[in-house]
C-alpha cells in the first residue's frame, strides 16, 4: 500500500465544488465538497492503477 502525504485544496465555483492535489496536479469536481474530494480520490486511484500497469508509477511519483 502506498502512503503519501498531500495537500487537498477545495473551493466553490458557481454550483460546483472543486478539489485539487497540487503535488500530483489532479483535479475533480462534485456537487458538494465531500463529493468533490471523493471524486478526487477516485481520480488518484484510477491514475495510479493505470501508471502501475504501464510500469511508470515510480517514475511519475519521483517527478512529483
Protein backbone atom coordinates (compact mmCIF):
# COMPACT_ATOMS: atom_id res chain seq x y z
CA UNK A 1 0.00 0.00 0.00
CA UNK A 2 1.26 3.45 -0.93
CA UNK A 3 1.12 6.13 1.76
CA UNK A 4 1.55 9.73 0.53
CA UNK A 5 1.07 12.99 2.35
CA UNK A 6 -0.53 15.52 0.01
CA UNK A 7 -2.38 18.81 0.17
CA UNK A 8 -6.05 18.88 -0.77
CA UNK A 9 -7.35 22.26 -1.82
CA UNK A 10 -11.10 22.79 -2.21
CA UNK A 11 -13.11 25.74 -3.46
CA UNK A 12 -16.50 26.51 -4.90
CA UNK A 13 -17.01 27.73 -8.44
CA UNK A 14 -20.62 28.50 -9.17
CA UNK A 15 -22.70 25.49 -8.18
CA UNK A 16 -19.73 23.12 -8.24
CA UNK A 17 -17.04 22.31 -5.70
CA UNK A 18 -13.55 21.56 -6.92
CA UNK A 19 -10.84 19.58 -5.17
CA UNK A 20 -7.19 19.56 -6.19
CA UNK A 21 -3.98 17.84 -5.14
CA UNK A 22 -1.34 20.32 -6.33
CA UNK A 23 1.56 17.93 -5.78
CA UNK A 24 0.05 15.49 -8.29
CA UNK A 25 -1.78 18.03 -10.46
CA UNK A 26 -5.10 16.14 -10.16
CA UNK A 27 -8.46 17.94 -10.03
CA UNK A 28 -12.03 16.72 -9.62
CA UNK A 29 -15.44 18.28 -9.08
CA UNK A 30 -18.65 17.45 -7.28
CA UNK A 31 -21.92 18.96 -6.14
CA UNK A 32 -20.66 19.07 -2.55
CA UNK A 33 -17.21 19.47 -1.03
CA UNK A 34 -17.29 15.84 0.15
CA UNK A 35 -18.33 14.60 -3.30
CA UNK A 36 -15.51 16.57 -4.93
CA UNK A 37 -12.99 15.01 -2.52
CA UNK A 38 -14.39 11.51 -3.10
CA UNK A 39 -14.17 12.04 -6.86
CA UNK A 40 -10.60 13.28 -6.44
CA UNK A 41 -9.62 10.11 -4.59
CA UNK A 42 -11.19 8.08 -7.40
CA UNK A 43 -9.08 10.02 -9.94
CA UNK A 44 -5.95 9.25 -7.91
CA UNK A 45 -6.82 5.56 -7.74
CA UNK A 46 -7.50 5.30 -11.48
CA UNK A 47 -4.36 7.24 -12.45
CA UNK A 48 -2.12 5.25 -10.09
CA UNK A 49 -3.59 1.92 -11.27
CA UNK A 50 -3.04 2.87 -14.92
CA UNK A 51 0.52 4.07 -14.30
CA UNK A 52 1.29 0.93 -12.27
CA UNK A 53 0.05 -1.25 -15.15
CA UNK A 54 2.26 0.73 -17.57
CA UNK A 55 5.23 0.38 -15.23
CA UNK A 56 5.59 4.15 -14.86
CA UNK A 57 4.20 4.85 -11.38
CA UNK A 58 7.58 5.10 -9.64
CA UNK A 59 8.89 7.42 -12.33
CA UNK A 60 5.78 9.61 -12.11
CA UNK A 61 5.98 9.86 -8.32
CA UNK A 62 9.66 10.77 -8.39
CA UNK A 63 8.86 13.64 -10.77
CA UNK A 64 6.18 14.96 -8.41
